Structure formats: structure tokens, C-alpha cells
Amino acid sequence: MLSRVAASYEVNSELRKELLQEIFLAVWQAMASFRGQSSEKTYILRIAHNRSVSHVASQMRHKGRDDLCVQSIADEGPGPETGLLKMTQQQALLAAVQKLPLQSRQVVTLFMEGLSYQDIAEVCGISSANAGMILNRARQTLSRELSHE
């Protein structure tokens, strides 16, 4: 789950590994403060997304990065054609999600992790209605983006 969060924010594999380590460290440090006011999953995802947002902000200050490369997603598919098709679809979806504005990216990633609108709202600090609106707009954007490919 945390690997997928990191992948939705960072395309560079080395920086993605670094981000994942930062997320693990932040979660480990924050678990002592967990008060049970939400589910552990929601709490951990909030930490992961906050750390990822900080990472993106930090990386944006370093303009020399090549953000356009899309790293491959490994697949243990049943056959080469099926595996290639699935990998291509996954890469296209990941690339499209990475192009979304930050808040939309957060909401989509959390939804793909199976969180409810209420949980998404809690993680992002927005209302449930706003989470639904952002998700619907992001779906439309992703649909348009993926239909062009």
C-alpha cells in the first residue's frame, strides 16, 4: 500500500525508494502518537500522503529532474502478450495519475486503496462531499487522458 502511494507521487525509481524510506520512518515515528481516533490504515495513509506532499514540494525546488520518464511496473502475468498489455495499462494509469493536481492525486490514490469518502476526507482534511467532487473530476480527467492513448 505504501509503495503504491510512493509510486503515485514519484516516477524516478531511486527517488521513489528514498520517499518510501521517508514514509516508513515517518510512520514509525508517528505511531506513538496514534490515539485511535481513526483506523490505523487511515492514520498511516495520512502520514504517507503528507510525507509525499512534502517530498513533491522539495523536489519541485530542484528543477533539474526529468519528471517525464515513466518507470516500468513489474508483472508476473500468465503470458507475454497479456503481461505486456497489463503493464502498458498500469503504466498509462500511473502516468495519468501523476499528472493530476496534488489534491486530486491524493484523493484518487486513497480511493484506489479502498478508502471510503469519509476516510478520504479525514486523511485530506476536507469534507466528504468535497472528496466525492474531487474524485469525480479526477475520474473525468483520467478518462479523457486514457482515451487519448
C-alpha atoms as a PDB file:
ATOM      1  CA  MET A   1       0.000   0.000   0.000  1.00  0.00           C
ATOM      2  CA  LEU A   2       2.756   2.454   0.931  1.00  0.00           C
ATOM      3  CA  SER A   3       4.711   1.508  -2.194  1.00  0.00           C
ATOM      4  CA  ARG A   4       1.714   2.402  -4.328  1.00  0.00           C
ATOM      5  CA  VAL A   5       1.373   5.736  -2.543  1.00  0.00           C
ATOM      6  CA  ALA A   6       5.053   6.496  -3.182  1.00  0.00           C
ATOM      7  CA  ALA A   7       4.699   5.432  -6.836  1.00  0.00           C
ATOM      8  CA  SER A   8       1.784   7.799  -7.348  1.00  0.00           C
ATOM      9  CA  TYR A   9       3.976  10.743  -6.302  1.00  0.00           C
ATOM     10  CA  GLU A  10       7.428   9.838  -7.646  1.00  0.00           C
ATOM     11  CA  VAL A  11       8.309   8.442 -11.096  1.00  0.00           C
ATOM     12  CA  ASN A  12      12.058   8.173 -10.555  1.00  0.00           C
ATOM     13  CA  SER A  13      12.738   4.719  -9.082  1.00  0.00           C
ATOM     14  CA  GLU A  14      15.641   5.823  -6.878  1.00  0.00           C
ATOM     15  CA  LEU A  15      13.760   8.825  -5.527  1.00  0.00           C
ATOM     16  CA  ARG A  16      10.699   6.602  -5.065  1.00  0.00           C
ATOM     17  CA  LYS A  17      12.758   4.240  -2.885  1.00  0.00           C
ATOM     18  CA  GLU A  18      14.008   7.235  -0.911  1.00  0.00           C
ATOM     19  CA  LEU A  19      10.451   8.527  -0.484  1.00  0.00           C
ATOM     20  CA  LEU A  20       9.279   5.106   0.674  1.00  0.00           C
ATOM     21  CA  GLN A  21      12.008   5.036   3.320  1.00  0.00           C
ATOM     22  CA  GLU A  22      10.975   8.526   4.436  1.00  0.00           C
ATOM     23  CA  ILE A  23       7.370   7.329   4.694  1.00  0.00           C
ATOM     24  CA  PHE A  24       8.358   4.269   6.747  1.00  0.00           C
ATOM     25  CA  LEU A  25      10.378   6.453   9.096  1.00  0.00           C
ATOM     26  CA  ALA A  26       7.565   8.998   9.459  1.00  0.00           C
ATOM     27  CA  VAL A  27       5.029   6.228  10.180  1.00  0.00           C
ATOM     28  CA  TRP A  28       7.331   4.612  12.727  1.00  0.00           C
ATOM     29  CA  GLN A  29       7.897   7.927  14.493  1.00  0.00           C
ATOM     30  CA  ALA A  30       4.205   8.854  14.467  1.00  0.00           C
ATOM     31  CA  MET A  31       2.760   5.560  15.707  1.00  0.00           C
ATOM     32  CA  ALA A  32       3.480   6.535  19.320  1.00  0.00           C
ATOM     33  CA  SER A  33       1.057   9.450  18.834  1.00  0.00           C
ATOM     34  CA  PHE A  34      -1.769   7.274  17.459  1.00  0.00           C
ATOM     35  CA  ARG A  35      -4.851   7.842  19.639  1.00  0.00           C
ATOM     36  CA  GLY A  36      -7.317   5.571  17.880  1.00  0.00           C
ATOM     37  CA  GLN A  37      -9.474   8.434  16.593  1.00  0.00           C
ATOM     38  CA  SER A  38      -9.414   6.808  13.149  1.00  0.00           C
ATOM     39  CA  SER A  39      -8.464   3.425  11.772  1.00  0.00           C
ATOM     40  CA  GLU A  40      -4.760   2.590  11.696  1.00  0.00           C
ATOM     41  CA  LYS A  41      -4.940   2.366   7.900  1.00  0.00           C
ATOM     42  CA  THR A  42      -6.352   5.885   7.625  1.00  0.00           C
ATOM     43  CA  TYR A  43      -3.768   7.218  10.069  1.00  0.00           C
ATOM     44  CA  ILE A  44      -0.872   5.595   8.204  1.00  0.00           C
ATOM     45  CA  LEU A  45      -2.156   6.767   4.815  1.00  0.00           C
ATOM     46  CA  ARG A  46      -2.483  10.317   6.102  1.00  0.00           C
ATOM     47  CA  ILE A  47       1.151  10.212   7.230  1.00  0.00           C
ATOM     48  CA  ALA A  48       2.212   8.707   3.885  1.00  0.00           C
ATOM     49  CA  HIS A  49       0.391  11.321   1.845  1.00  0.00           C
ATOM     50  CA  ASN A  50       1.634  14.197   3.988  1.00  0.00           C
ATOM     51  CA  ARG A  51       5.207  12.948   3.652  1.00  0.00           C
ATOM     52  CA  SER A  52       4.712  12.524  -0.113  1.00  0.00           C
ATOM     53  CA  VAL A  53       3.372  16.052  -0.477  1.00  0.00           C
ATOM     54  CA  SER A  54       6.435  17.357   1.366  1.00  0.00           C
ATOM     55  CA  HIS A  55       8.630  15.258  -0.926  1.00  0.00           C
ATOM     56  CA  VAL A  56       6.966  16.675  -4.054  1.00  0.00           C
ATOM     57  CA  ALA A  57       7.362  20.223  -2.760  1.00  0.00           C
ATOM     58  CA  SER A  58      11.027  19.581  -2.020  1.00  0.00           C
ATOM     59  CA  GLN A  59      11.642  18.010  -5.428  1.00  0.00           C
ATOM     60  CA  MET A  60       9.915  20.883  -7.233  1.00  0.00           C
ATOM     61  CA  ARG A  61      12.635  23.157  -5.894  1.00  0.00           C
ATOM     62  CA  HIS A  62      15.170  21.002  -7.773  1.00  0.00           C
ATOM     63  CA  LYS A  63      14.132  21.832 -11.338  1.00  0.00           C
ATOM     64  CA  GLY A  64      16.836  19.690 -12.987  1.00  0.00           C
ATOM     65  CA  ARG A  65      14.807  16.499 -12.621  1.00  0.00           C
ATOM     66  CA  ASP A  66      13.427  14.554 -15.558  1.00  0.00           C
ATOM     67  CA  ASP A  67       9.805  14.032 -14.481  1.00  0.00           C
ATOM     68  CA  LEU A  68       8.668  12.754 -17.837  1.00  0.00           C
ATOM     69  CA  CYS A  69      10.160   9.289 -17.685  1.00  0.00           C
ATOM     70  CA  VAL A  70       7.794   6.553 -16.546  1.00  0.00           C
ATOM     71  CA  GLN A  71       9.363   3.642 -14.761  1.00  0.00           C
ATOM     72  CA  SER A  72       8.229   0.121 -15.605  1.00  0.00           C
ATOM     73  CA  ILE A  73       5.868  -1.780 -13.348  1.00  0.00           C
ATOM     74  CA  ALA A  74       6.846  -5.420 -12.901  1.00  0.00           C
ATOM     75  CA  ASP A  75       4.176  -8.012 -13.691  1.00  0.00           C
ATOM     76  CA  GLU A  76       4.183 -11.755 -13.270  1.00  0.00           C
ATOM     77  CA  GLY A  77       1.390 -12.225 -15.856  1.00  0.00           C
ATOM     78  CA  PRO A  78       0.401 -15.546 -17.388  1.00  0.00           C
ATOM     79  CA  GLY A  79       1.776 -14.795 -20.849  1.00  0.00           C
ATOM     80  CA  PRO A  80       3.891 -12.203 -22.614  1.00  0.00           C
ATOM     81  CA  GLU A  81       1.034 -10.566 -24.538  1.00  0.00           C
ATOM     82  CA  THR A  82      -1.266 -10.443 -21.527  1.00  0.00           C
ATOM     83  CA  GLY A  83       1.565  -9.252 -19.313  1.00  0.00           C
ATOM     84  CA  LEU A  84       2.586  -6.558 -21.809  1.00  0.00           C
ATOM     85  CA  LEU A  85      -0.990  -5.298 -22.152  1.00  0.00           C
ATOM     86  CA  LYS A  86      -1.484  -5.188 -18.392  1.00  0.00           C
ATOM     87  CA  MET A  87       1.865  -3.483 -17.842  1.00  0.00           C
ATOM     88  CA  THR A  88       1.077  -0.902 -20.528  1.00  0.00           C
ATOM     89  CA  GLN A  89      -2.306  -0.176 -18.959  1.00  0.00           C
ATOM     90  CA  GLN A  90      -0.762   0.146 -15.497  1.00  0.00           C
ATOM     91  CA  GLN A  91       1.928   2.485 -16.787  1.00  0.00           C
ATOM     92  CA  ALA A  92      -0.653   4.617 -18.579  1.00  0.00           C
ATOM     93  CA  LEU A  93      -2.815   4.839 -15.459  1.00  0.00           C
ATOM     94  CA  LEU A  94       0.144   5.650 -13.226  1.00  0.00           C
ATOM     95  CA  ALA A  95       1.376   8.325 -15.647  1.00  0.00           C
ATOM     96  CA  ALA A  96      -2.122   9.837 -15.849  1.00  0.00           C
ATOM     97  CA  VAL A  97      -2.498   9.852 -12.049  1.00  0.00           C
ATOM     98  CA  GLN A  98       0.919  11.505 -11.685  1.00  0.00           C
ATOM     99  CA  LYS A  99      -0.234  14.345 -13.979  1.00  0.00           C
ATOM    100  CA  LEU A 100      -3.216  15.163 -11.759  1.00  0.00           C
ATOM    101  CA  PRO A 101      -3.044  18.142  -9.416  1.00  0.00           C
ATOM    102  CA  LEU A 102      -1.762  17.188  -5.986  1.00  0.00           C
ATOM    103  CA  GLN A 103      -5.093  17.110  -4.152  1.00  0.00           C
ATOM    104  CA  SER A 104      -6.748  15.089  -6.929  1.00  0.00           C
ATOM    105  CA  ARG A 105      -3.808  12.683  -6.896  1.00  0.00           C
ATOM    106  CA  GLN A 106      -4.251  12.218  -3.149  1.00  0.00           C
ATOM    107  CA  VAL A 107      -7.972  11.529  -3.399  1.00  0.00           C
ATOM    108  CA  VAL A 108      -7.604   9.104  -6.326  1.00  0.00           C
ATOM    109  CA  THR A 109      -4.775   7.196  -4.661  1.00  0.00           C
ATOM    110  CA  LEU A 110      -6.706   6.874  -1.408  1.00  0.00           C
ATOM    111  CA  PHE A 111      -9.816   5.737  -3.278  1.00  0.00           C
ATOM    112  CA  MET A 112      -7.753   3.136  -5.147  1.00  0.00           C
ATOM    113  CA  GLU A 113      -6.566   1.885  -1.743  1.00  0.00           C
ATOM    114  CA  GLY A 114     -10.194   1.199  -0.844  1.00  0.00           C
ATOM    115  CA  LEU A 115     -10.906   4.105   1.495  1.00  0.00           C
ATOM    116  CA  SER A 116     -14.423   5.489   1.794  1.00  0.00           C
ATOM    117  CA  TYR A 117     -15.248   9.125   1.043  1.00  0.00           C
ATOM    118  CA  GLN A 118     -15.362   9.768   4.803  1.00  0.00           C
ATOM    119  CA  ASP A 119     -11.900   8.227   5.319  1.00  0.00           C
ATOM    120  CA  ILE A 120     -10.513  10.158   2.337  1.00  0.00           C
ATOM    121  CA  ALA A 121     -11.972  13.357   3.771  1.00  0.00           C
ATOM    122  CA  GLU A 122     -10.347  12.604   7.117  1.00  0.00           C
ATOM    123  CA  VAL A 123      -6.922  11.946   5.595  1.00  0.00           C
ATOM    124  CA  CYS A 124      -7.020  15.031   3.361  1.00  0.00           C
ATOM    125  CA  GLY A 125      -8.687  17.376   5.834  1.00  0.00           C
ATOM    126  CA  ILE A 126     -11.677  18.090   3.564  1.00  0.00           C
ATOM    127  CA  SER A 127     -15.410  17.304   3.663  1.00  0.00           C
ATOM    128  CA  SER A 128     -16.837  14.040   2.325  1.00  0.00           C
ATOM    129  CA  ALA A 129     -18.759  15.958  -0.319  1.00  0.00           C
ATOM    130  CA  ASN A 130     -15.574  17.704  -1.438  1.00  0.00           C
ATOM    131  CA  ALA A 131     -13.760  14.351  -1.596  1.00  0.00           C
ATOM    132  CA  GLY A 132     -16.525  12.991  -3.841  1.00  0.00           C
ATOM    133  CA  MET A 133     -16.434  16.063  -6.087  1.00  0.00           C
ATOM    134  CA  ILE A 134     -12.638  15.916  -6.424  1.00  0.00           C
ATOM    135  CA  LEU A 135     -12.784  12.184  -7.164  1.00  0.00           C
ATOM    136  CA  ASN A 136     -15.443  12.616  -9.841  1.00  0.00           C
ATOM    137  CA  ARG A 137     -13.495  15.408 -11.550  1.00  0.00           C
ATOM    138  CA  ALA A 138     -10.295  13.347 -11.367  1.00  0.00           C
ATOM    139  CA  ARG A 139     -12.103  10.345 -12.878  1.00  0.00           C
ATOM    140  CA  GLN A 140     -13.260  12.501 -15.779  1.00  0.00           C
ATOM    141  CA  THR A 141      -9.735  13.825 -16.298  1.00  0.00           C
ATOM    142  CA  LEU A 142      -8.247  10.311 -16.139  1.00  0.00           C
ATOM    143  CA  SER A 143     -10.867   9.011 -18.540  1.00  0.00           C
ATOM    144  CA  ARG A 144     -10.070  11.747 -21.061  1.00  0.00           C
ATOM    145  CA  GLU A 145      -6.328  11.249 -20.621  1.00  0.00           C
ATOM    146  CA  LEU A 146      -6.518   7.473 -21.032  1.00  0.00           C
ATOM    147  CA  SER A 147      -8.874   7.631 -24.016  1.00  0.00           C
ATOM    148  CA  HIS A 148      -6.249   9.683 -25.894  1.00  0.00           C
ATOM    149  CA  GLU A 149      -3.714   6.870 -25.588  1.00  0.00           C
END
